Structure formats: structure tokens, C-alpha cells
């Protein structure tokens, strides 16, 4: 038996239930919290953007104040420049043309006026040593190990021309020969050629017609300065200066002698240290010590002793290289031709 259509109230009951639930939800505000309107999302988003800058401005004013405070320090230190001239002069030794110009006006060194000033020196009296052969015992420290050898210094001249030769030999030492030749003038020795031979030979040629020093290794030429020497002739030049008039060079005196190697030319500055008592293989001697003052970090230190009792002949020569190698030549005997 088939049932008839459902009564009308049964078919409308679900719809009435839905309407009733909707009304209840609206009355209690539950949808307002679950599904916010589009306008309210926009409001919340914009307030977050605004709230971030409200926190950022707090630190942002600080940088302008710090920047403004920094210029205030220079203003506070500006009064200091009046004291700067004293430090500025000491801090710029390369800006020393004025001191260099003063000695040029007085080529002969005045020890009383400037006992420690390095001064280009033009000799008025020279003591030319007799031709001789000087022999030395050599002790050296190479890479921390002691080695020994011999050296021989041959000095010859005829009053107008000279020839100078230094030979260094010995087990553990690299054989080396230096030679200098040239003329003897009123200013002392005037080299025309200097050579240095160890593994190979290099040379410097003094072209006095053009006033240039020409190097065999294609280094740039250098100008020939008055009284210029080479690394070997400078030893005998100093001997001649002191033999001529030693009273001009009291302790503390500094002498600037233009000196050329096989690579460059520069001033070698020697300072008179004073006299020492030396115990040498050739005997006990009193000698005057001179020291070359290094001007650059890797300059070789040169210590030279001249013996007044032997016409200021070089009786000791000690070289200290930047790598720590020390070569000490100590006089043992002298031969006369």
C-alpha cells in the first residue's frame, strides 16, 4: 500500500529550521567574529603599516644627532693647528731642501756649527796613500754558520791615475772581486769604471763628458754628483780625507758622500763614532770608527775603522746585510811594492 504525499508542514519544517538558526546566529553576533567584512580587514592591515613607522621613528632621530655631533669634534680640535708647525717639520723629513741648501753654501764641513749634520764635503787637503797590498783575515756568519776566508786589497796609483782591487775568497764564502779605476783629482778619487763580480759581472761606467753614470744591467742612468765615488773607492776616499786633515772630523760629524753601485747612485752618510782599541791578526791598533747610517729598511750596514798610525789605512771593515749575514775583514799585514 503506497503512502500519500507528506503533509505540507513536514516539507516546510527544514526550511523553517534554517531560518530560525540564521536568526539566532545574527542575534548572538557569532558570524561577526568568524567572517569579518572586507572593510574591517583593510582597516586592520592599514593599522599594522602605520604601527611599524610609529616604532621606527624612535631610533631614526638618533643618527642625525650622531652625525651632527661628529662635525663638532673637528671644530673643537681646530685650535690645535698652531702647535702643528713643530710636529709638521719633524714629521716630513723628506721636505728637507732647506737644510741641504745650507751646506751647499759652505762646502767645507764646520763641525762646531753642525756636528751631526750630513754635509757634502769638498776636501782642501788630501793625504794620498802610497801604493800597497793590504791583507785581511775574514770571518763571516752565513745562514747562522761561521765561515772563514781571506781578503786582499790592492791599491796602485801614479799620482794621476789609480787602480783599486778587492778580492774575497775562502771555503764557504762566495768568491767576489770588486775593481775601481779612475783618476786622482783635487777632490780626491774620480772613478771612471766600477765592477762587481760574484756569479756574474756587473759594472757602472762614469761618463763624465755627459755627467752620467751608466749601468751595465740597463738600469736608468744616474747623474754624476761632485765627489761621487763607487762602493770600493769610497773606502780609500775616506782614508784620504782623514789623512789630509783629521781635525775637521771630530766624533759626531756626519759626511754625505755620493756613492754608486752597479745598480743605482745615492748619498752614503757616514758618522764619526770615535776611536777604538782593536785586537787584529796584524797586531793591536788604535783606530777611528766610522759607520754608514742606513737610510732604507734593506740598506747594508757598513762599519769602517781607519788607523791614524798607518796613515788612516782601512784596517777593519765589517758589513752587515739585511738578511743577517755578517762579513768582518780584519787587517793582518801590509806589503809595499
Protein backbone atom coordinates (compact mmCIF):
# COMPACT_ATOMS: atom_id res chain seq x y z
CA UNK A 1 0.00 0.00 0.00
CA UNK A 2 1.64 3.33 -1.13
CA UNK A 3 1.90 6.29 1.23
CA UNK A 4 0.44 9.59 0.14
CA UNK A 5 2.37 12.90 -0.18
CA UNK A 6 3.91 14.25 3.07
CA UNK A 7 1.93 16.89 4.80
CA UNK A 8 2.90 20.49 3.99
CA UNK A 9 4.24 21.22 7.48
CA UNK A 10 6.75 18.37 7.18
CA UNK A 11 8.09 19.78 3.91
CA UNK A 12 8.40 23.31 5.32
CA UNK A 13 10.00 22.25 8.64
CA UNK A 14 13.61 22.06 7.39
CA UNK A 15 13.31 25.45 5.80
CA UNK A 16 11.85 26.87 8.97
CA UNK A 17 14.74 25.35 10.96
CA UNK A 18 17.30 27.04 8.78
CA UNK A 19 15.59 30.40 9.07
CA UNK A 20 15.40 30.03 12.84
CA UNK A 21 19.14 29.15 13.11
CA UNK A 22 20.04 32.13 10.98
CA UNK A 23 18.09 34.45 13.21
CA UNK A 24 19.68 33.02 16.32
CA UNK A 25 23.19 33.49 14.87
CA UNK A 26 22.51 37.08 13.96
CA UNK A 27 21.14 37.78 17.42
CA UNK A 28 24.27 36.38 19.19
CA UNK A 29 26.87 38.01 16.83
CA UNK A 30 28.72 34.74 16.10
CA UNK A 31 29.25 35.41 12.37
CA UNK A 32 30.76 38.79 13.05
CA UNK A 33 33.78 37.08 14.60
CA UNK A 34 34.04 34.25 12.11
CA UNK A 35 33.64 36.15 8.84
CA UNK A 36 34.81 39.78 9.11
CA UNK A 37 33.85 42.10 6.35
CA UNK A 38 36.31 43.22 3.70
CA UNK A 39 36.37 46.76 5.10
CA UNK A 40 37.45 45.53 8.53
CA UNK A 41 40.43 43.54 7.06
CA UNK A 42 41.57 46.63 5.29
CA UNK A 43 41.42 48.62 8.49
CA UNK A 44 43.43 46.05 10.40
CA UNK A 45 46.09 45.89 7.64
CA UNK A 46 46.49 49.63 7.41
CA UNK A 47 46.86 49.97 11.16
CA UNK A 48 49.75 47.50 11.07
CA UNK A 49 51.53 49.54 8.44
CA UNK A 50 51.08 52.67 10.48
CA UNK A 51 52.13 50.97 13.70
CA UNK A 52 55.53 49.92 12.25
CA UNK A 53 56.65 53.50 11.44
CA UNK A 54 55.48 54.60 14.86
CA UNK A 55 58.20 52.36 16.35
CA UNK A 56 60.89 53.17 13.73
CA UNK A 57 60.96 56.95 14.24
CA UNK A 58 62.29 56.46 17.76
CA UNK A 59 65.78 55.30 16.61
CA UNK A 60 65.74 57.33 13.38
CA UNK A 61 66.21 60.72 15.04
CA UNK A 62 69.38 59.40 16.78
CA UNK A 63 71.54 59.15 13.60
CA UNK A 64 71.04 62.81 12.71
CA UNK A 65 72.18 63.74 16.20
CA UNK A 66 75.26 61.49 15.97
CA UNK A 67 76.14 62.94 12.58
CA UNK A 68 75.68 66.41 13.88
CA UNK A 69 77.94 65.66 16.85
CA UNK A 70 80.77 64.40 14.66
CA UNK A 71 81.46 67.76 12.96
CA UNK A 72 81.59 69.33 16.38
CA UNK A 73 84.85 67.44 17.16
CA UNK A 74 86.83 68.95 14.28
CA UNK A 75 85.70 72.37 15.42
CA UNK A 76 86.97 71.60 18.88
CA UNK A 77 90.33 70.44 17.51
CA UNK A 78 90.83 73.31 15.11
CA UNK A 79 92.65 75.38 17.68
CA UNK A 80 95.34 72.60 17.68
CA UNK A 81 96.95 73.61 14.30
CA UNK A 82 99.04 76.37 15.91
CA UNK A 83 101.05 73.59 17.60
CA UNK A 84 101.30 71.66 14.32
CA UNK A 85 104.29 73.53 12.82
CA UNK A 86 106.72 71.90 15.27
CA UNK A 87 105.39 68.38 14.63
CA UNK A 88 104.91 69.00 10.92
CA UNK A 89 108.57 69.85 10.40
CA UNK A 90 109.69 66.73 12.24
CA UNK A 91 107.14 64.52 10.50
CA UNK A 92 108.28 65.41 7.00
CA UNK A 93 112.00 64.63 6.78
CA UNK A 94 111.79 64.33 3.01
CA UNK A 95 110.91 68.00 2.83
CA UNK A 96 114.47 68.97 3.75
CA UNK A 97 115.74 71.03 0.80
CA UNK A 98 116.45 73.99 3.14
CA UNK A 99 118.90 72.02 5.35
CA UNK A 100 120.52 70.59 2.23
CA UNK A 101 120.89 74.04 0.69
CA UNK A 102 122.67 75.46 3.73
CA UNK A 103 125.69 73.13 3.50
CA UNK A 104 125.98 73.91 -0.21
CA UNK A 105 126.89 77.46 0.69
CA UNK A 106 129.69 76.16 2.92
CA UNK A 107 131.16 73.10 1.19
CA UNK A 108 133.75 72.58 3.94
CA UNK A 109 132.16 70.96 6.96
CA UNK A 110 132.05 73.08 10.09
CA UNK A 111 131.81 70.59 12.97
CA UNK A 112 131.17 73.31 15.56
CA UNK A 113 128.20 74.69 13.63
CA UNK A 114 126.61 71.34 12.76
CA UNK A 115 128.31 68.42 14.45
CA UNK A 116 125.64 65.94 13.40
CA UNK A 117 124.58 67.34 10.02
CA UNK A 118 125.30 65.21 6.94
CA UNK A 119 127.19 67.62 4.69
CA UNK A 120 128.55 67.27 1.14
CA UNK A 121 132.26 67.73 1.66
CA UNK A 122 134.79 69.22 -0.74
CA UNK A 123 138.31 68.46 0.56
CA UNK A 124 141.03 71.10 0.64
CA UNK A 125 143.80 68.81 1.86
CA UNK A 126 144.17 65.17 0.88
CA UNK A 127 146.58 62.51 2.02
CA UNK A 128 147.17 60.11 -0.87
CA UNK A 129 148.37 56.75 0.49
CA UNK A 130 151.36 55.00 -1.03
CA UNK A 131 150.69 52.01 -3.29
CA UNK A 132 150.31 48.89 -1.18
CA UNK A 133 148.75 45.46 -0.81
CA UNK A 134 146.72 45.02 2.38
CA UNK A 135 145.76 41.54 3.54
CA UNK A 136 142.86 40.63 5.82
CA UNK A 137 141.51 37.64 7.65
CA UNK A 138 137.79 37.26 7.05
CA UNK A 139 135.24 35.78 9.40
CA UNK A 140 131.63 35.63 8.39
CA UNK A 141 128.27 34.30 9.50
CA UNK A 142 126.28 32.86 6.61
CA UNK A 143 122.84 31.40 7.38
CA UNK A 144 123.87 31.14 11.01
CA UNK A 145 127.07 29.19 10.34
CA UNK A 146 130.58 30.65 10.86
CA UNK A 147 132.94 30.59 7.87
CA UNK A 148 136.46 31.92 7.34
CA UNK A 149 138.48 33.22 4.43
CA UNK A 150 140.93 35.85 3.22
CA UNK A 151 140.73 39.20 1.51
CA UNK A 152 143.29 41.25 -0.37
CA UNK A 153 143.14 44.97 -1.20
CA UNK A 154 145.47 46.12 -3.99
CA UNK A 155 145.99 49.87 -4.22
CA UNK A 156 148.09 51.39 -7.02
CA UNK A 157 148.48 54.90 -8.43
CA UNK A 158 151.00 57.09 -10.27
CA UNK A 159 149.77 60.40 -8.87
CA UNK A 160 147.25 60.92 -11.68
CA UNK A 161 145.54 57.58 -12.24
CA UNK A 162 144.64 54.87 -9.80
CA UNK A 163 143.55 51.24 -9.76
CA UNK A 164 141.87 49.52 -6.80
CA UNK A 165 141.01 45.83 -6.47
CA UNK A 166 139.43 43.87 -3.59
CA UNK A 167 139.32 40.08 -3.74
CA UNK A 168 137.45 37.91 -1.23
CA UNK A 169 137.98 34.13 -1.16
CA UNK A 170 137.56 31.21 1.22
CA UNK A 171 135.70 27.93 1.78
CA UNK A 172 132.04 28.61 2.47
CA UNK A 173 132.36 32.13 1.03
CA UNK A 174 131.29 33.13 -2.43
CA UNK A 175 134.39 34.35 -4.25
CA UNK A 176 133.98 38.01 -5.08
CA UNK A 177 136.08 40.62 -6.85
CA UNK A 178 135.43 44.36 -6.94
CA UNK A 179 137.51 46.75 -9.04
CA UNK A 180 137.60 50.52 -9.34
CA UNK A 181 139.72 52.60 -11.68
CA UNK A 182 139.90 56.30 -12.49
CA UNK A 183 141.80 59.49 -11.82
CA UNK A 184 143.14 61.37 -8.81
CA UNK A 185 141.89 64.96 -8.78
CA UNK A 186 141.84 67.90 -6.38
CA UNK A 187 138.60 66.48 -4.95
CA UNK A 188 140.09 63.04 -4.48
CA UNK A 189 139.28 59.92 -6.44
CA UNK A 190 137.22 60.25 -9.61
CA UNK A 191 136.16 56.76 -10.76
CA UNK A 192 135.64 56.02 -14.42
CA UNK A 193 134.60 52.36 -14.03
CA UNK A 194 133.47 50.12 -11.18
CA UNK A 195 132.80 46.39 -11.49
CA UNK A 196 131.46 43.78 -9.10
CA UNK A 197 131.90 40.10 -9.94
CA UNK A 198 130.41 37.20 -7.98
CA UNK A 199 128.40 34.76 -10.08
CA UNK A 200 128.45 37.22 -12.94
CA UNK A 201 129.98 40.64 -13.51
CA UNK A 202 128.10 43.91 -13.46
CA UNK A 203 129.59 47.35 -13.91
CA UNK A 204 128.96 51.08 -13.63
CA UNK A 205 130.60 53.48 -16.11
CA UNK A 206 131.16 57.12 -15.16
CA UNK A 207 130.64 59.11 -18.36
CA UNK A 208 131.97 62.46 -17.18
CA UNK A 209 131.54 64.04 -20.62
CA UNK A 210 127.78 63.67 -20.29
CA UNK A 211 127.78 63.78 -16.50
CA UNK A 212 126.01 60.43 -16.23
CA UNK A 213 126.60 57.05 -14.58
CA UNK A 214 125.67 54.24 -16.98
CA UNK A 215 124.85 50.80 -15.55
CA UNK A 216 125.54 47.60 -17.46
CA UNK A 217 122.28 45.96 -16.33
CA UNK A 218 120.17 48.54 -18.20
CA UNK A 219 119.13 50.35 -15.06
CA UNK A 220 118.25 54.04 -15.59
CA UNK A 221 121.28 56.33 -15.74
CA UNK A 222 122.16 58.47 -12.74
CA UNK A 223 123.65 61.95 -12.60
CA UNK A 224 127.27 62.28 -11.50
CA UNK A 225 127.37 64.41 -8.36
CA UNK A 226 130.52 66.29 -7.28
CA UNK A 227 132.87 63.98 -5.41
CA UNK A 228 130.93 60.85 -6.39
CA UNK A 229 132.56 57.53 -5.53
CA UNK A 230 131.76 53.86 -6.03
CA UNK A 231 131.31 51.21 -3.34
CA UNK A 232 135.04 50.41 -3.32
CA UNK A 233 136.69 53.77 -3.93
CA UNK A 234 134.65 55.37 -1.12
CA UNK A 235 136.80 53.46 1.42
CA UNK A 236 140.05 54.94 0.09
CA UNK A 237 138.42 58.36 -0.36
CA UNK A 238 137.58 58.44 3.35
CA UNK A 239 141.14 57.38 4.16
CA UNK A 240 142.48 60.28 2.08
CA UNK A 241 140.11 62.79 3.72
CA UNK A 242 141.12 61.87 7.25
CA UNK A 243 144.82 61.62 6.39
CA UNK A 244 144.66 65.13 4.92
CA UNK A 245 143.13 66.95 7.92
CA UNK A 246 141.67 64.73 10.67
CA UNK A 247 140.89 67.73 12.91
CA UNK A 248 137.94 68.58 10.66
CA UNK A 249 136.10 65.42 11.67
CA UNK A 250 135.51 65.20 15.43
CA UNK A 251 133.22 62.48 16.81
CA UNK A 252 129.61 63.09 15.87
CA UNK A 253 130.47 64.55 12.48
CA UNK A 254 128.48 63.21 9.55
CA UNK A 255 129.67 63.13 5.95
CA UNK A 256 127.45 62.62 2.90
CA UNK A 257 129.37 61.08 0.00
CA UNK A 258 127.54 60.36 -3.28
CA UNK A 259 128.21 56.68 -3.98
CA UNK A 260 127.33 54.47 -6.94
CA UNK A 261 126.88 50.72 -7.01
CA UNK A 262 126.26 48.69 -10.16
CA UNK A 263 122.54 49.40 -9.85
CA UNK A 264 122.00 52.93 -8.52
CA UNK A 265 123.58 56.06 -7.06
CA UNK A 266 122.73 57.64 -3.71
CA UNK A 267 124.28 59.51 -0.80
CA UNK A 268 126.11 57.36 1.72
CA UNK A 269 126.10 59.11 5.08
CA UNK A 270 128.99 58.27 7.42
CA UNK A 271 129.11 59.24 11.06
CA UNK A 272 132.36 59.53 13.02
CA UNK A 273 131.90 57.36 16.12
CA UNK A 274 135.26 57.76 17.90
CA UNK A 275 138.42 55.72 18.46
CA UNK A 276 138.57 52.04 19.46
CA UNK A 277 141.37 49.76 20.55
CA UNK A 278 141.42 46.80 18.16
CA UNK A 279 143.00 43.40 18.59
CA UNK A 280 143.72 42.39 15.00
CA UNK A 281 145.64 39.50 13.42
CA UNK A 282 148.32 42.01 12.44
CA UNK A 283 148.61 43.43 15.97
CA UNK A 284 146.99 45.83 18.36
CA UNK A 285 145.96 49.15 16.85
CA UNK A 286 144.02 52.24 17.81
CA UNK A 287 141.58 53.08 15.04
CA UNK A 288 138.87 55.63 14.30
CA UNK A 289 135.45 54.10 13.67
CA UNK A 290 133.03 55.36 11.03
CA UNK A 291 129.58 53.97 10.42
CA UNK A 292 127.34 54.25 7.43
CA UNK A 293 123.83 55.22 8.51
CA UNK A 294 121.20 53.11 6.69
CA UNK A 295 118.55 55.26 5.06
CA UNK A 296 116.17 52.50 3.99
CA UNK A 297 114.91 49.30 5.54
CA UNK A 298 117.11 46.99 3.47
CA UNK A 299 120.28 49.07 3.35
CA UNK A 300 123.57 47.39 4.18
CA UNK A 301 125.24 48.47 7.40
CA UNK A 302 128.89 49.44 6.92
CA UNK A 303 131.39 49.84 9.77
CA UNK A 304 134.89 51.06 8.89
CA UNK A 305 137.98 51.53 11.08
CA UNK A 306 140.85 53.78 9.93
CA UNK A 307 144.21 53.59 11.74
CA UNK A 308 145.89 57.00 12.36
CA UNK A 309 149.21 55.22 12.96
CA UNK A 310 149.06 53.77 9.46
CA UNK A 311 148.09 56.94 7.55
CA UNK A 312 144.42 56.18 8.19
CA UNK A 313 144.54 52.97 6.20
CA UNK A 314 141.38 50.80 6.44
CA UNK A 315 142.34 48.13 9.00
CA UNK A 316 138.86 46.73 9.56
CA UNK A 317 135.68 46.60 7.53
CA UNK A 318 132.50 44.94 8.78
CA UNK A 319 129.42 44.56 6.58
CA UNK A 320 126.00 43.52 7.90
CA UNK A 321 123.40 42.58 5.32
CA UNK A 322 119.64 42.82 5.90
CA UNK A 323 119.37 39.02 5.92
CA UNK A 324 121.72 38.84 8.93
CA UNK A 325 124.86 37.85 7.02
CA UNK A 326 127.94 39.47 8.60
CA UNK A 327 131.35 39.74 6.89
CA UNK A 328 134.23 41.02 9.02
CA UNK A 329 137.59 41.87 7.39
CA UNK A 330 140.42 42.33 9.91
CA UNK A 331 143.89 43.52 8.86
CA UNK A 332 146.73 41.02 9.07
CA UNK A 333 149.63 42.52 7.05
CA UNK A 334 150.67 45.16 4.52
CA UNK A 335 153.04 44.75 1.59
CA UNK A 336 154.80 47.66 -0.12
CA UNK A 337 155.94 47.39 -3.74
